[in-house]
Amino acid sequence: LKLTNESCCFFNAASVTESLCVEGDEACPDRSIYAYYDGLHLTEKLYMHLSAKAYSSDLQTEAYPFNVEVLANLDISLMLTGAPSFHTHDQ
């Protein structure tokens, strides 16, 4: 990402409700260098970057308390065995 303070298309920054690309205006030819497509949406390149960090980062400032890879690899059967039962048997 080379351009993090600009959007790929022109939008009206004065209005949150008009943060989409101006109709009829052409978007940039290379979206992969932009962080933002318009005033509301990130580009696919930035989404890929953020999702990769969420999946495998070991930094607590990026994924806390666990990253997605750790959560995906949890052995859920260990969590279910020995779990307390909250059901009562009144018969």
PDB file of N, CA and C in Angstrom:
ATOM      1  N   LEU A   1       0.843  -1.180   0.000  1.00  0.00           N
ATOM      2  CA  LEU A   1       0.000   0.000   0.000  1.00  0.00           C
ATOM      3  C   LEU A   1       0.884   1.238   0.000  1.00  0.00           C
ATOM      4  N   LYS A   2       0.672   2.053  -0.991  1.00  0.00           N
ATOM      5  CA  LYS A   2       1.466   3.276  -1.096  1.00  0.00           C
ATOM      6  C   LYS A   2       0.674   4.509  -0.684  1.00  0.00           C
ATOM      7  N   LEU A   3      -0.632   4.485  -0.894  1.00  0.00           N
ATOM      8  CA  LEU A   3      -1.464   5.649  -0.617  1.00  0.00           C
ATOM      9  C   LEU A   3      -2.450   5.331   0.504  1.00  0.00           C
ATOM     10  N   THR A   4      -2.148   5.808   1.699  1.00  0.00           N
ATOM     11  CA  THR A   4      -3.000   5.520   2.857  1.00  0.00           C
ATOM     12  C   THR A   4      -3.835   6.721   3.293  1.00  0.00           C
ATOM     13  N   ASN A   5      -3.595   7.879   2.704  1.00  0.00           N
ATOM     14  CA  ASN A   5      -4.348   9.079   3.068  1.00  0.00           C
ATOM     15  C   ASN A   5      -5.251   9.567   1.944  1.00  0.00           C
ATOM     16  N   GLU A   6      -5.401   8.767   0.916  1.00  0.00           N
ATOM     17  CA  GLU A   6      -6.248   9.121  -0.227  1.00  0.00           C
ATOM     18  C   GLU A   6      -7.174   7.959  -0.529  1.00  0.00           C
ATOM     19  N   SER A   7      -8.255   8.253  -1.216  1.00  0.00           N
ATOM     20  CA  SER A   7      -9.144   7.170  -1.649  1.00  0.00           C
ATOM     21  C   SER A   7      -8.941   6.934  -3.139  1.00  0.00           C
ATOM     22  N   CYS A   8      -9.399   5.790  -3.581  1.00  0.00           N
ATOM     23  CA  CYS A   8      -9.264   5.394  -4.975  1.00  0.00           C
ATOM     24  C   CYS A   8     -10.174   6.209  -5.894  1.00  0.00           C
ATOM     25  N   CYS A   9     -11.215   6.782  -5.356  1.00  0.00           N
ATOM     26  CA  CYS A   9     -12.118   7.609  -6.148  1.00  0.00           C
ATOM     27  C   CYS A   9     -12.447   8.887  -5.399  1.00  0.00           C
ATOM     28  N   PHE A  10     -12.997   9.836  -6.079  1.00  0.00           N
ATOM     29  CA  PHE A  10     -13.376  11.100  -5.457  1.00  0.00           C
ATOM     30  C   PHE A  10     -14.716  10.945  -4.751  1.00  0.00           C
ATOM     31  N   PHE A  11     -14.810  11.466  -3.530  1.00  0.00           N
ATOM     32  CA  PHE A  11     -16.078  11.474  -2.795  1.00  0.00           C
ATOM     33  C   PHE A  11     -16.189  12.781  -2.031  1.00  0.00           C
ATOM     34  N   ASN A  12     -17.372  13.114  -1.583  1.00  0.00           N
ATOM     35  CA  ASN A  12     -17.640  14.349  -0.864  1.00  0.00           C
ATOM     36  C   ASN A  12     -17.313  14.150   0.615  1.00  0.00           C
ATOM     37  N   ALA A  13     -16.141  14.592   1.039  1.00  0.00           N
ATOM     38  CA  ALA A  13     -15.681  14.384   2.411  1.00  0.00           C
ATOM     39  C   ALA A  13     -16.466  15.205   3.424  1.00  0.00           C
ATOM     40  N   ALA A  14     -17.239  16.165   2.973  1.00  0.00           N
ATOM     41  CA  ALA A  14     -17.993  17.024   3.890  1.00  0.00           C
ATOM     42  C   ALA A  14     -19.227  16.327   4.448  1.00  0.00           C
ATOM     43  N   SER A  15     -19.638  15.227   3.845  1.00  0.00           N
ATOM     44  CA  SER A  15     -20.870  14.564   4.266  1.00  0.00           C
ATOM     45  C   SER A  15     -20.645  13.062   4.420  1.00  0.00           C
ATOM     46  N   VAL A  16     -20.949  12.551   5.611  1.00  0.00           N
ATOM     47  CA  VAL A  16     -20.807  11.116   5.856  1.00  0.00           C
ATOM     48  C   VAL A  16     -21.750  10.328   4.960  1.00  0.00           C
ATOM     49  N   THR A  17     -22.937  10.875   4.693  1.00  0.00           N
ATOM     50  CA  THR A  17     -23.910  10.164   3.854  1.00  0.00           C
ATOM     51  C   THR A  17     -23.500  10.164   2.391  1.00  0.00           C
ATOM     52  N   GLU A  18     -22.537  10.977   2.032  1.00  0.00           N
ATOM     53  CA  GLU A  18     -22.064  11.028   0.644  1.00  0.00           C
ATOM     54  C   GLU A  18     -20.616  10.569   0.550  1.00  0.00           C
ATOM     55  N   SER A  19     -20.259   9.569   1.320  1.00  0.00           N
ATOM     56  CA  SER A  19     -18.881   9.082   1.359  1.00  0.00           C
ATOM     57  C   SER A  19     -18.581   8.040   0.295  1.00  0.00           C
ATOM     58  N   LEU A  20     -19.538   7.794  -0.580  1.00  0.00           N
ATOM     59  CA  LEU A  20     -19.319   6.854  -1.677  1.00  0.00           C
ATOM     60  C   LEU A  20     -18.747   7.616  -2.859  1.00  0.00           C
ATOM     61  N   CYS A  21     -18.198   6.898  -3.800  1.00  0.00           N
ATOM     62  CA  CYS A  21     -17.626   7.528  -4.989  1.00  0.00           C
ATOM     63  C   CYS A  21     -18.668   8.390  -5.694  1.00  0.00           C
ATOM     64  N   VAL A  22     -18.232   9.512  -6.219  1.00  0.00           N
ATOM     65  CA  VAL A  22     -19.115  10.401  -6.968  1.00  0.00           C
ATOM     66  C   VAL A  22     -19.528   9.692  -8.252  1.00  0.00           C
ATOM     67  N   GLU A  23     -20.823   9.658  -8.520  1.00  0.00           N
ATOM     68  CA  GLU A  23     -21.343   8.980  -9.704  1.00  0.00           C
ATOM     69  C   GLU A  23     -20.740   9.594 -10.966  1.00  0.00           C
ATOM     70  N   GLY A  24     -20.285   8.745 -11.864  1.00  0.00           N
ATOM     71  CA  GLY A  24     -19.709   9.191 -13.121  1.00  0.00           C
ATOM     72  C   GLY A  24     -18.212   9.414 -13.065  1.00  0.00           C
ATOM     73  N   ASP A  25     -17.651   9.490 -11.870  1.00  0.00           N
ATOM     74  CA  ASP A  25     -16.207   9.669 -11.732  1.00  0.00           C
ATOM     75  C   ASP A  25     -15.531   8.303 -11.841  1.00  0.00           C
ATOM     76  N   GLU A  26     -14.417   8.251 -12.501  1.00  0.00           N
ATOM     77  CA  GLU A  26     -13.716   6.970 -12.664  1.00  0.00           C
ATOM     78  C   GLU A  26     -12.856   6.669 -11.450  1.00  0.00           C
ATOM     79  N   ALA A  27     -12.846   5.418 -11.063  1.00  0.00           N
ATOM     80  CA  ALA A  27     -11.993   4.978  -9.963  1.00  0.00           C
ATOM     81  C   ALA A  27     -10.559   4.869 -10.467  1.00  0.00           C
ATOM     82  N   CYS A  28      -9.645   4.763  -9.545  1.00  0.00           N
ATOM     83  CA  CYS A  28      -8.228   4.669  -9.908  1.00  0.00           C
ATOM     84  C   CYS A  28      -7.954   3.400 -10.711  1.00  0.00           C
ATOM     85  N   PRO A  29      -6.946   3.414 -11.550  1.00  0.00           N
ATOM     86  CA  PRO A  29      -6.647   2.227 -12.351  1.00  0.00           C
ATOM     87  C   PRO A  29      -5.971   1.102 -11.551  1.00  0.00           C
ATOM     88  N   ASP A  30      -5.288   1.439 -10.460  1.00  0.00           N
ATOM     89  CA  ASP A  30      -4.585   0.422  -9.668  1.00  0.00           C
ATOM     90  C   ASP A  30      -5.023   0.509  -8.206  1.00  0.00           C
ATOM     91  N   ARG A  31      -6.045  -0.236  -7.857  1.00  0.00           N
ATOM     92  CA  ARG A  31      -6.587  -0.193  -6.492  1.00  0.00           C
ATOM     93  C   ARG A  31      -5.651  -0.811  -5.467  1.00  0.00           C
ATOM     94  N   SER A  32      -4.690  -1.597  -5.900  1.00  0.00           N
ATOM     95  CA  SER A  32      -3.814  -2.302  -4.962  1.00  0.00           C
ATOM     96  C   SER A  32      -2.860  -1.380  -4.210  1.00  0.00           C
ATOM     97  N   ILE A  33      -2.711  -0.140  -4.638  1.00  0.00           N
ATOM     98  CA  ILE A  33      -1.816   0.776  -3.925  1.00  0.00           C
ATOM     99  C   ILE A  33      -2.567   1.673  -2.937  1.00  0.00           C
ATOM    100  N   TYR A  34      -3.892   1.572  -2.915  1.00  0.00           N
ATOM    101  CA  TYR A  34      -4.723   2.399  -2.041  1.00  0.00           C
ATOM    102  C   TYR A  34      -5.204   1.598  -0.838  1.00  0.00           C
ATOM    103  N   ALA A  35      -5.322   2.259   0.311  1.00  0.00           N
ATOM    104  CA  ALA A  35      -5.906   1.634   1.494  1.00  0.00           C
ATOM    105  C   ALA A  35      -7.426   1.758   1.471  1.00  0.00           C
ATOM    106  N   TYR A  36      -7.922   2.856   0.894  1.00  0.00           N
ATOM    107  CA  TYR A  36      -9.368   3.128   0.892  1.00  0.00           C
ATOM    108  C   TYR A  36      -9.897   3.242  -0.531  1.00  0.00           C
ATOM    109  N   TYR A  37     -11.041   2.588  -0.756  1.00  0.00           N
ATOM    110  CA  TYR A  37     -11.678   2.708  -2.065  1.00  0.00           C
ATOM    111  C   TYR A  37     -12.455   4.017  -2.147  1.00  0.00           C
ATOM    112  N   ASP A  38     -13.239   4.294  -1.116  1.00  0.00           N
ATOM    113  CA  ASP A  38     -13.988   5.554  -1.034  1.00  0.00           C
ATOM    114  C   ASP A  38     -13.942   6.008   0.425  1.00  0.00           C
ATOM    115  N   GLY A  39     -14.876   6.821   0.845  1.00  0.00           N
ATOM    116  CA  GLY A  39     -14.858   7.313   2.210  1.00  0.00           C
ATOM    117  C   GLY A  39     -15.332   6.317   3.253  1.00  0.00           C
ATOM    118  N   LEU A  40     -15.858   5.184   2.841  1.00  0.00           N
ATOM    119  CA  LEU A  40     -16.388   4.182   3.777  1.00  0.00           C
ATOM    120  C   LEU A  40     -15.719   2.819   3.678  1.00  0.00           C
ATOM    121  N   HIS A  41     -15.233   2.466   2.531  1.00  0.00           N
ATOM    122  CA  HIS A  41     -14.791   1.094   2.282  1.00  0.00           C
ATOM    123  C   HIS A  41     -13.284   0.981   2.097  1.00  0.00           C
ATOM    124  N   LEU A  42     -12.740  -0.063   2.703  1.00  0.00           N
ATOM    125  CA  LEU A  42     -11.330  -0.381   2.512  1.00  0.00           C
ATOM    126  C   LEU A  42     -11.168  -1.113   1.185  1.00  0.00           C
ATOM    127  N   THR A  43      -9.951  -1.138   0.663  1.00  0.00           N
ATOM    128  CA  THR A  43      -9.688  -1.897  -0.565  1.00  0.00           C
ATOM    129  C   THR A  43      -9.434  -3.361  -0.215  1.00  0.00           C
ATOM    130  N   GLU A  44      -9.532  -4.219  -1.201  1.00  0.00           N
ATOM    131  CA  GLU A  44      -9.279  -5.643  -0.989  1.00  0.00           C
ATOM    132  C   GLU A  44      -7.869  -5.864  -0.457  1.00  0.00           C
ATOM    133  N   LYS A  45      -6.910  -5.082  -0.934  1.00  0.00           N
ATOM    134  CA  LYS A  45      -5.517  -5.216  -0.499  1.00  0.00           C
ATOM    135  C   LYS A  45      -5.402  -4.986   1.012  1.00  0.00           C
ATOM    136  N   LEU A  46      -6.061  -3.948   1.526  1.00  0.00           N
ATOM    137  CA  LEU A  46      -6.003  -3.674   2.964  1.00  0.00           C
ATOM    138  C   LEU A  46      -6.767  -4.735   3.751  1.00  0.00           C
ATOM    139  N   TYR A  47      -7.914  -5.186   3.247  1.00  0.00           N
ATOM    140  CA  TYR A  47      -8.647  -6.270   3.923  1.00  0.00           C
ATOM    141  C   TYR A  47      -7.784  -7.528   4.014  1.00  0.00           C
ATOM    142  N   MET A  48      -7.055  -7.856   2.963  1.00  0.00           N
ATOM    143  CA  MET A  48      -6.179  -9.032   2.982  1.00  0.00           C
ATOM    144  C   MET A  48      -5.070  -8.863   4.017  1.00  0.00           C
ATOM    145  N   HIS A  49      -4.506  -7.676   4.085  1.00  0.00           N
ATOM    146  CA  HIS A  49      -3.448  -7.383   5.054  1.00  0.00           C
ATOM    147  C   HIS A  49      -3.967  -7.533   6.491  1.00  0.00           C
ATOM    148  N   LEU A  50      -5.114  -6.939   6.771  1.00  0.00           N
ATOM    149  CA  LEU A  50      -5.687  -7.000   8.121  1.00  0.00           C
ATOM    150  C   LEU A  50      -6.106  -8.421   8.503  1.00  0.00           C
ATOM    151  N   SER A  51      -6.672  -9.150   7.551  1.00  0.00           N
ATOM    152  CA  SER A  51      -7.102 -10.516   7.860  1.00  0.00           C
ATOM    153  C   SER A  51      -5.907 -11.437   8.093  1.00  0.00           C
ATOM    154  N   ALA A  52      -4.809 -11.226   7.368  1.00  0.00           N
ATOM    155  CA  ALA A  52      -3.600 -12.030   7.591  1.00  0.00           C
ATOM    156  C   ALA A  52      -3.051 -11.779   8.992  1.00  0.00           C
ATOM    157  N   LYS A  53      -3.073 -10.534   9.423  1.00  0.00           N
ATOM    158  CA  LYS A  53      -2.613 -10.211  10.772  1.00  0.00           C
ATOM    159  C   LYS A  53      -3.534 -10.828  11.828  1.00  0.00           C
ATOM    160  N   ALA A  54      -4.821 -10.740  11.632  1.00  0.00           N
ATOM    161  CA  ALA A  54      -5.766 -11.320  12.593  1.00  0.00           C
ATOM    162  C   ALA A  54      -5.595 -12.829  12.670  1.00  0.00           C
ATOM    163  N   TYR A  55      -5.245 -13.461  11.555  1.00  0.00           N
ATOM    164  CA  TYR A  55      -5.122 -14.910  11.524  1.00  0.00           C
ATOM    165  C   TYR A  55      -3.847 -15.391  12.209  1.00  0.00           C
ATOM    166  N   SER A  56      -2.716 -14.726  11.962  1.00  0.00           N
ATOM    167  CA  SER A  56      -1.463 -15.326  12.418  1.00  0.00           C
ATOM    168  C   SER A  56      -0.575 -14.450  13.293  1.00  0.00           C
ATOM    169  N   SER A  57      -0.962 -13.251  13.590  1.00  0.00           N
ATOM    170  CA  SER A  57      -0.096 -12.366  14.377  1.00  0.00           C
ATOM    171  C   SER A  57       0.057 -12.849  15.816  1.00  0.00           C
ATOM    172  N   ASP A  58       1.258 -12.694  16.346  1.00  0.00           N
ATOM    173  CA  ASP A  58       1.517 -13.009  17.747  1.00  0.00           C
ATOM    174  C   ASP A  58       1.551 -11.745  18.610  1.00  0.00           C
ATOM    175  N   LEU A  59       1.338 -10.590  17.988  1.00  0.00           N
ATOM    176  CA  LEU A  59       1.347  -9.334  18.724  1.00  0.00           C
ATOM    177  C   LEU A  59      -0.001  -9.087  19.381  1.00  0.00           C
ATOM    178  N   GLN A  60      -0.020  -8.805  20.664  1.00  0.00           N
ATOM    179  CA  GLN A  60      -1.270  -8.568  21.374  1.00  0.00           C
ATOM    180  C   GLN A  60      -1.961  -7.297  20.898  1.00  0.00           C
ATOM    181  N   THR A  61      -1.233  -6.392  20.285  1.00  0.00           N
ATOM    182  CA  THR A  61      -1.845  -5.170  19.755  1.00  0.00           C
ATOM    183  C   THR A  61      -2.601  -5.436  18.455  1.00  0.00           C
ATOM    184  N   GLU A  62      -2.398  -6.612  17.859  1.00  0.00           N
ATOM    185  CA  GLU A  62      -3.067  -6.955  16.600  1.00  0.00           C
ATOM    186  C   GLU A  62      -4.117  -8.040  16.752  1.00  0.00           C
ATOM    187  N   ALA A  63      -3.913  -8.950  17.667  1.00  0.00           N
ATOM    188  CA  ALA A  63      -4.864 -10.051  17.873  1.00  0.00           C
ATOM    189  C   ALA A  63      -4.789 -10.463  19.344  1.00  0.00           C
ATOM    190  N   TYR A  64      -5.826 -10.161  20.096  1.00  0.00           N
ATOM    191  CA  TYR A  64      -5.803 -10.430  21.528  1.00  0.00           C
ATOM    192  C   TYR A  64      -7.131 -11.007  21.982  1.00  0.00           C
ATOM    193  N   PRO A  65      -7.179 -11.977  22.813  1.00  0.00           N
ATOM    194  CA  PRO A  65      -6.070 -12.650  23.462  1.00  0.00           C
ATOM    195  C   PRO A  65      -5.440 -13.745  22.600  1.00  0.00           C
ATOM    196  N   PHE A  66      -6.127 -14.153  21.526  1.00  0.00           N
ATOM    197  CA  PHE A  66      -5.587 -15.165  20.622  1.00  0.00           C
ATOM    198  C   PHE A  66      -5.794 -14.725  19.192  1.00  0.00           C
ATOM    199  N   ASN A  67      -4.926 -15.189  18.309  1.00  0.00           N
ATOM    200  CA  ASN A  67      -5.185 -14.957  16.888  1.00  0.00           C
ATOM    201  C   ASN A  67      -6.147 -16.027  16.373  1.00  0.00           C
ATOM    202  N   VAL A  68      -6.648 -15.866  15.193  1.00  0.00           N
ATOM    203  CA  VAL A  68      -7.656 -16.766  14.635  1.00  0.00           C
ATOM    204  C   VAL A  68      -7.086 -18.171  14.422  1.00  0.00           C
ATOM    205  N   GLU A  69      -5.812 -18.263  14.076  1.00  0.00           N
ATOM    206  CA  GLU A  69      -5.196 -19.578  13.868  1.00  0.00           C
ATOM    207  C   GLU A  69      -5.224 -20.401  15.157  1.00  0.00           C
ATOM    208  N   VAL A  70      -4.913 -19.792  16.280  1.00  0.00           N
ATOM    209  CA  VAL A  70      -4.958 -20.491  17.571  1.00  0.00           C
ATOM    210  C   VAL A  70      -6.383 -20.937  17.869  1.00  0.00           C
ATOM    211  N   LEU A  71      -7.341 -20.052  17.666  1.00  0.00           N
ATOM    212  CA  LEU A  71      -8.734 -20.403  17.919  1.00  0.00           C
ATOM    213  C   LEU A  71      -9.215 -21.523  17.005  1.00  0.00           C
ATOM    214  N   ALA A  72      -8.798 -21.498  15.744  1.00  0.00           N
ATOM    215  CA  ALA A  72      -9.224 -22.521  14.790  1.00  0.00           C
ATOM    216  C   ALA A  72      -8.643 -23.897  15.131  1.00  0.00           C
ATOM    217  N   ASN A  73      -7.528 -23.900  15.823  1.00  0.00           N
ATOM    218  CA  ASN A  73      -6.865 -25.169  16.143  1.00  0.00           C
ATOM    219  C   ASN A  73      -7.143 -25.660  17.554  1.00  0.00           C
ATOM    220  N   LEU A  74      -8.033 -25.005  18.276  1.00  0.00           N
ATOM    221  CA  LEU A  74      -8.376 -25.472  19.618  1.00  0.00           C
ATOM    222  C   LEU A  74      -9.059 -26.835  19.548  1.00  0.00           C
ATOM    223  N   ASP A  75      -8.741 -27.679  20.507  1.00  0.00           N
ATOM    224  CA  ASP A  75      -9.404 -28.974  20.607  1.00  0.00           C
ATOM    225  C   ASP A  75     -10.645 -28.771  21.463  1.00  0.00           C
ATOM    226  N   ILE A  76     -11.751 -28.574  20.809  1.00  0.00           N
ATOM    227  CA  ILE A  76     -12.995 -28.230  21.516  1.00  0.00           C
ATOM    228  C   ILE A  76     -13.481 -29.371  22.405  1.00  0.00           C
ATOM    229  N   SER A  77     -13.094 -30.598  22.110  1.00  0.00           N
ATOM    230  CA  SER A  77     -13.541 -31.723  22.935  1.00  0.00           C
ATOM    231  C   SER A  77     -12.982 -31.598  24.353  1.00  0.00           C
ATOM    232  N   LEU A  78     -11.808 -31.017  24.501  1.00  0.00           N
ATOM    233  CA  LEU A  78     -11.240 -30.814  25.832  1.00  0.00           C
ATOM    234  C   LEU A  78     -12.056 -29.799  26.617  1.00  0.00           C
ATOM    235  N   MET A  79     -12.630 -28.863  25.922  1.00  0.00           N
ATOM    236  CA  MET A  79     -13.424 -27.837  26.580  1.00  0.00           C
ATOM    237  C   MET A  79     -14.772 -28.389  27.026  1.00  0.00           C
ATOM    238  N   LEU A  80     -15.271 -29.396  26.340  1.00  0.00           N
ATOM    239  CA  LEU A  80     -16.592 -29.932  26.635  1.00  0.00           C
ATOM    240  C   LEU A  80     -16.564 -30.994  27.734  1.00  0.00           C
ATOM    241  N   THR A  81     -15.463 -31.704  27.876  1.00  0.00           N
ATOM    242  CA  THR A  81     -15.389 -32.750  28.898  1.00  0.00           C
ATOM    243  C   THR A  81     -15.208 -32.121  30.266  1.00  0.00           C
ATOM    244  N   GLY A  82     -15.968 -32.588  31.188  1.00  0.00           N
ATOM    245  CA  GLY A  82     -15.862 -32.084  32.545  1.00  0.00           C
ATOM    246  C   GLY A  82     -16.516 -30.729  32.756  1.00  0.00           C
ATOM    247  N   ALA A  83     -17.208 -30.252  31.761  1.00  0.00           N
ATOM    248  CA  ALA A  83     -17.892 -28.965  31.923  1.00  0.00           C
ATOM    249  C   ALA A  83     -19.042 -29.135  32.898  1.00  0.00           C
ATOM    250  N   PRO A  84     -19.255 -28.175  33.762  1.00  0.00           N
ATOM    251  CA  PRO A  84     -20.356 -28.310  34.729  1.00  0.00           C
ATOM    252  C   PRO A  84     -21.704 -28.296  34.027  1.00  0.00           C
ATOM    253  N   SER A  85     -22.596 -29.062  34.561  1.00  0.00           N
ATOM    254  CA  SER A  85     -23.940 -29.120  34.010  1.00  0.00           C
ATOM    255  C   SER A  85     -24.847 -28.178  34.790  1.00  0.00           C
ATOM    256  N   PHE A  86     -25.639 -27.408  34.119  1.00  0.00           N
ATOM    257  CA  PHE A  86     -26.535 -26.475  34.766  1.00  0.00           C
ATOM    258  C   PHE A  86     -27.984 -26.962  34.722  1.00  0.00           C
ATOM    259  N   HIS A  87     -28.146 -28.212  34.323  1.00  0.00           N
ATOM    260  CA  HIS A  87     -29.483 -28.797  34.266  1.00  0.00           C
ATOM    261  C   HIS A  87     -29.819 -29.406  35.621  1.00  0.00           C
ATOM    262  N   THR A  88     -31.026 -29.206  36.061  1.00  0.00           N
ATOM    263  CA  THR A  88     -31.464 -29.820  37.314  1.00  0.00           C
ATOM    264  C   THR A  88     -32.452 -30.932  36.986  1.00  0.00           C
ATOM    265  N   HIS A  89     -32.448 -31.923  37.791  1.00  0.00           N
ATOM    266  CA  HIS A  89     -33.330 -33.066  37.596  1.00  0.00           C
ATOM    267  C   HIS A  89     -34.328 -33.115  38.740  1.00  0.00           C
ATOM    268  N   ASP A  90     -35.478 -32.513  38.587  1.00  0.00           N
ATOM    269  CA  ASP A  90     -36.501 -32.478  39.623  1.00  0.00           C
ATOM    270  C   ASP A  90     -37.588 -33.501  39.325  1.00  0.00           C
ATOM    271  N   GLN A  91     -37.295 -34.759  39.552  1.00  0.00           N
ATOM    272  CA  GLN A  91     -38.296 -35.799  39.309  1.00  0.00           C
ATOM    273  C   GLN A  91     -38.439 -36.669  40.503  1.00  0.00           C
TER     274      GLN A  91
END
